[in-house]
Amino acid sequence: MIKMKLKKAKTLMEKAGSNILGVILNKAKVDKSSSYYHYYGDE
């Protein structure tokens, strides 16, 4: 459900000619075994 909403938002922004610079995910569940978690967590 959330993934579909994100895709729709991206499509609408692209149609409007906007550039997406990044994404902030507040309160997102993080899989502690992912490489991104360890990369940022160990700095």
PDB file of N, CA and C in Angstrom:
ATOM      1  N   MET A   1       0.822  -1.194   0.000  1.00  0.00           N
ATOM      2  CA  MET A   1       0.000   0.000   0.000  1.00  0.00           C
ATOM      3  C   MET A   1       0.865   1.257   0.000  1.00  0.00           C
ATOM      4  N   ILE A   2       1.827   1.333   0.910  1.00  0.00           N
ATOM      5  CA  ILE A   2       2.693   2.506   0.980  1.00  0.00           C
ATOM      6  C   ILE A   2       3.550   2.603  -0.279  1.00  0.00           C
ATOM      7  N   LYS A   3       4.027   1.459  -0.765  1.00  0.00           N
ATOM      8  CA  LYS A   3       4.856   1.455  -1.968  1.00  0.00           C
ATOM      9  C   LYS A   3       4.083   2.024  -3.160  1.00  0.00           C
ATOM     10  N   MET A   4       2.798   1.688  -3.271  1.00  0.00           N
ATOM     11  CA  MET A   4       1.969   2.209  -4.363  1.00  0.00           C
ATOM     12  C   MET A   4       1.804   3.719  -4.241  1.00  0.00           C
ATOM     13  N   LYS A   5       1.630   4.206  -3.015  1.00  0.00           N
ATOM     14  CA  LYS A   5       1.480   5.648  -2.792  1.00  0.00           C
ATOM     15  C   LYS A   5       2.768   6.387  -3.141  1.00  0.00           C
ATOM     16  N   LEU A   6       3.907   5.797  -2.795  1.00  0.00           N
ATOM     17  CA  LEU A   6       5.189   6.419  -3.126  1.00  0.00           C
ATOM     18  C   LEU A   6       5.406   6.474  -4.632  1.00  0.00           C
ATOM     19  N   LYS A   7       5.053   5.395  -5.326  1.00  0.00           N
ATOM     20  CA  LYS A   7       5.190   5.374  -6.783  1.00  0.00           C
ATOM     21  C   LYS A   7       4.304   6.429  -7.433  1.00  0.00           C
ATOM     22  N   LYS A   8       3.069   6.571  -6.914  1.00  0.00           N
ATOM     23  CA  LYS A   8       2.149   7.567  -7.466  1.00  0.00           C
ATOM     24  C   LYS A   8       2.677   8.977  -7.221  1.00  0.00           C
ATOM     25  N   ALA A   9       3.185   9.227  -6.024  1.00  0.00           N
ATOM     26  CA  ALA A   9       3.741  10.542  -5.707  1.00  0.00           C
ATOM     27  C   ALA A   9       4.924  10.860  -6.618  1.00  0.00           C
ATOM     28  N   LYS A  10       5.780   9.874  -6.862  1.00  0.00           N
ATOM     29  CA  LYS A  10       6.933  10.060  -7.746  1.00  0.00           C
ATOM     30  C   LYS A  10       6.475  10.383  -9.165  1.00  0.00           C
ATOM     31  N   THR A  11       5.488   9.649  -9.645  1.00  0.00           N
ATOM     32  CA  THR A  11       4.958   9.877 -10.992  1.00  0.00           C
ATOM     33  C   THR A  11       4.377  11.280 -11.119  1.00  0.00           C
ATOM     34  N   LEU A  12       3.607  11.709 -10.125  1.00  0.00           N
ATOM     35  CA  LEU A  12       3.009  13.042 -10.158  1.00  0.00           C
ATOM     36  C   LEU A  12       4.073  14.138 -10.133  1.00  0.00           C
ATOM     37  N   MET A  13       5.121  13.934  -9.343  1.00  0.00           N
ATOM     38  CA  MET A  13       6.201  14.923  -9.283  1.00  0.00           C
ATOM     39  C   MET A  13       6.958  14.991 -10.600  1.00  0.00           C
ATOM     40  N   GLU A  14       7.177  13.841 -11.229  1.00  0.00           N
ATOM     41  CA  GLU A  14       7.859  13.821 -12.524  1.00  0.00           C
ATOM     42  C   GLU A  14       7.021  14.523 -13.589  1.00  0.00           C
ATOM     43  N   LYS A  15       5.706  14.311 -13.566  1.00  0.00           N
ATOM     44  CA  LYS A  15       4.810  14.973 -14.524  1.00  0.00           C
ATOM     45  C   LYS A  15       4.825  16.485 -14.339  1.00  0.00           C
ATOM     46  N   ALA A  16       5.023  16.931 -13.100  1.00  0.00           N
ATOM     47  CA  ALA A  16       5.064  18.364 -12.807  1.00  0.00           C
ATOM     48  C   ALA A  16       6.436  18.960 -13.103  1.00  0.00           C
ATOM     49  N   GLY A  17       7.397  18.122 -13.478  1.00  0.00           N
ATOM     50  CA  GLY A  17       8.743  18.599 -13.787  1.00  0.00           C
ATOM     51  C   GLY A  17       9.628  18.783 -12.569  1.00  0.00           C
ATOM     52  N   SER A  18       9.247  18.194 -11.454  1.00  0.00           N
ATOM     53  CA  SER A  18      10.025  18.314 -10.219  1.00  0.00           C
ATOM     54  C   SER A  18      11.189  17.330 -10.207  1.00  0.00           C
ATOM     55  N   ASN A  19      12.223  17.695  -9.472  1.00  0.00           N
ATOM     56  CA  ASN A  19      13.360  16.801  -9.254  1.00  0.00           C
ATOM     57  C   ASN A  19      13.319  16.306  -7.814  1.00  0.00           C
ATOM     58  N   ILE A  20      13.497  15.015  -7.632  1.00  0.00           N
ATOM     59  CA  ILE A  20      13.523  14.433  -6.288  1.00  0.00           C
ATOM     60  C   ILE A  20      14.976  14.362  -5.845  1.00  0.00           C
ATOM     61  N   LEU A  21      15.295  15.076  -4.769  1.00  0.00           N
ATOM     62  CA  LEU A  21      16.665  15.117  -4.273  1.00  0.00           C
ATOM     63  C   LEU A  21      16.956  14.017  -3.269  1.00  0.00           C
ATOM     64  N   GLY A  22      15.949  13.575  -2.561  1.00  0.00           N
ATOM     65  CA  GLY A  22      16.150  12.540  -1.555  1.00  0.00           C
ATOM     66  C   GLY A  22      14.839  12.193  -0.884  1.00  0.00           C
ATOM     67  N   VAL A  23      14.918  11.311   0.079  1.00  0.00           N
ATOM     68  CA  VAL A  23      13.719  10.843   0.772  1.00  0.00           C
ATOM     69  C   VAL A  23      14.028  10.739   2.258  1.00  0.00           C
ATOM     70  N   ILE A  24      13.059  11.130   3.077  1.00  0.00           N
ATOM     71  CA  ILE A  24      13.169  10.967   4.530  1.00  0.00           C
ATOM     72  C   ILE A  24      12.059  10.021   4.964  1.00  0.00           C
ATOM     73  N   LEU A  25      12.427   8.968   5.655  1.00  0.00           N
ATOM     74  CA  LEU A  25      11.442   7.986   6.128  1.00  0.00           C
ATOM     75  C   LEU A  25      11.384   8.041   7.650  1.00  0.00           C
ATOM     76  N   ASN A  26      10.422   8.773   8.178  1.00  0.00           N
ATOM     77  CA  ASN A  26      10.254   8.868   9.629  1.00  0.00           C
ATOM     78  C   ASN A  26       9.566   7.617  10.156  1.00  0.00           C
ATOM     79  N   LYS A  27      10.063   7.113  11.251  1.00  0.00           N
ATOM     80  CA  LYS A  27       9.496   5.944  11.934  1.00  0.00           C
ATOM     81  C   LYS A  27       9.445   4.707  11.050  1.00  0.00           C
ATOM     82  N   ALA A  28      10.352   4.607  10.091  1.00  0.00           N
ATOM     83  CA  ALA A  28      10.405   3.431   9.223  1.00  0.00           C
ATOM     84  C   ALA A  28      11.082   2.290   9.975  1.00  0.00           C
ATOM     85  N   LYS A  29      10.526   1.099   9.846  1.00  0.00           N
ATOM     86  CA  LYS A  29      11.150  -0.068  10.468  1.00  0.00           C
ATOM     87  C   LYS A  29      12.399  -0.422   9.673  1.00  0.00           C
ATOM     88  N   VAL A  30      13.502  -0.648  10.380  1.00  0.00           N
ATOM     89  CA  VAL A  30      14.778  -0.941   9.739  1.00  0.00           C
ATOM     90  C   VAL A  30      15.164  -2.380  10.020  1.00  0.00           C
ATOM     91  N   ASP A  31      15.515  -3.105   8.978  1.00  0.00           N
ATOM     92  CA  ASP A  31      16.019  -4.463   9.133  1.00  0.00           C
ATOM     93  C   ASP A  31      17.471  -4.348   9.585  1.00  0.00           C
ATOM     94  N   LYS A  32      17.755  -4.753  10.791  1.00  0.00           N
ATOM     95  CA  LYS A  32      19.091  -4.560  11.356  1.00  0.00           C
ATOM     96  C   LYS A  32      20.169  -5.378  10.657  1.00  0.00           C
ATOM     97  N   SER A  33      19.783  -6.275   9.769  1.00  0.00           N
ATOM     98  CA  SER A  33      20.783  -7.057   9.049  1.00  0.00           C
ATOM     99  C   SER A  33      21.137  -6.417   7.706  1.00  0.00           C
ATOM    100  N   SER A  34      20.492  -5.291   7.373  1.00  0.00           N
ATOM    101  CA  SER A  34      20.780  -4.664   6.080  1.00  0.00           C
ATOM    102  C   SER A  34      22.109  -3.928   6.129  1.00  0.00           C
ATOM    103  N   SER A  35      22.755  -3.806   4.977  1.00  0.00           N
ATOM    104  CA  SER A  35      24.059  -3.154   4.914  1.00  0.00           C
ATOM    105  C   SER A  35      23.951  -1.659   5.180  1.00  0.00           C
ATOM    106  N   TYR A  36      22.843  -1.038   4.802  1.00  0.00           N
ATOM    107  CA  TYR A  36      22.703   0.396   5.035  1.00  0.00           C
ATOM    108  C   TYR A  36      22.618   0.691   6.528  1.00  0.00           C
ATOM    109  N   TYR A  37      21.931  -0.157   7.255  1.00  0.00           N
ATOM    110  CA  TYR A  37      21.828   0.047   8.695  1.00  0.00           C
ATOM    111  C   TYR A  37      23.213   0.008   9.318  1.00  0.00           C
ATOM    112  N   HIS A  38      23.991  -0.986   8.968  1.00  0.00           N
ATOM    113  CA  HIS A  38      25.327  -1.116   9.541  1.00  0.00           C
ATOM    114  C   HIS A  38      26.244  -0.002   9.063  1.00  0.00           C
ATOM    115  N   TYR A  39      26.113   0.389   7.823  1.00  0.00           N
ATOM    116  CA  TYR A  39      26.986   1.438   7.286  1.00  0.00           C
ATOM    117  C   TYR A  39      26.785   2.733   8.059  1.00  0.00           C
ATOM    118  N   TYR A  40      25.529   3.142   8.236  1.00  0.00           N
ATOM    119  CA  TYR A  40      25.266   4.389   8.932  1.00  0.00           C
ATOM    120  C   TYR A  40      25.371   4.225  10.442  1.00  0.00           C
ATOM    121  N   GLY A  41      25.077   3.039  10.935  1.00  0.00           N
ATOM    122  CA  GLY A  41      25.105   2.815  12.360  1.00  0.00           C
ATOM    123  C   GLY A  41      26.504   2.738  12.941  1.00  0.00           C
ATOM    124  N   ASP A  42      27.492   2.388  12.124  1.00  0.00           N
ATOM    125  CA  ASP A  42      28.853   2.223  12.626  1.00  0.00           C
ATOM    126  C   ASP A  42      29.708   3.472  12.501  1.00  0.00           C
ATOM    127  N   GLU A  43      29.184   4.514  11.901  1.00  0.00           N
ATOM    128  CA  GLU A  43      29.999   5.727  11.724  1.00  0.00           C
ATOM    129  C   GLU A  43      30.193   6.467  13.014  1.00  0.00           C
TER     130      GLU A  43
END
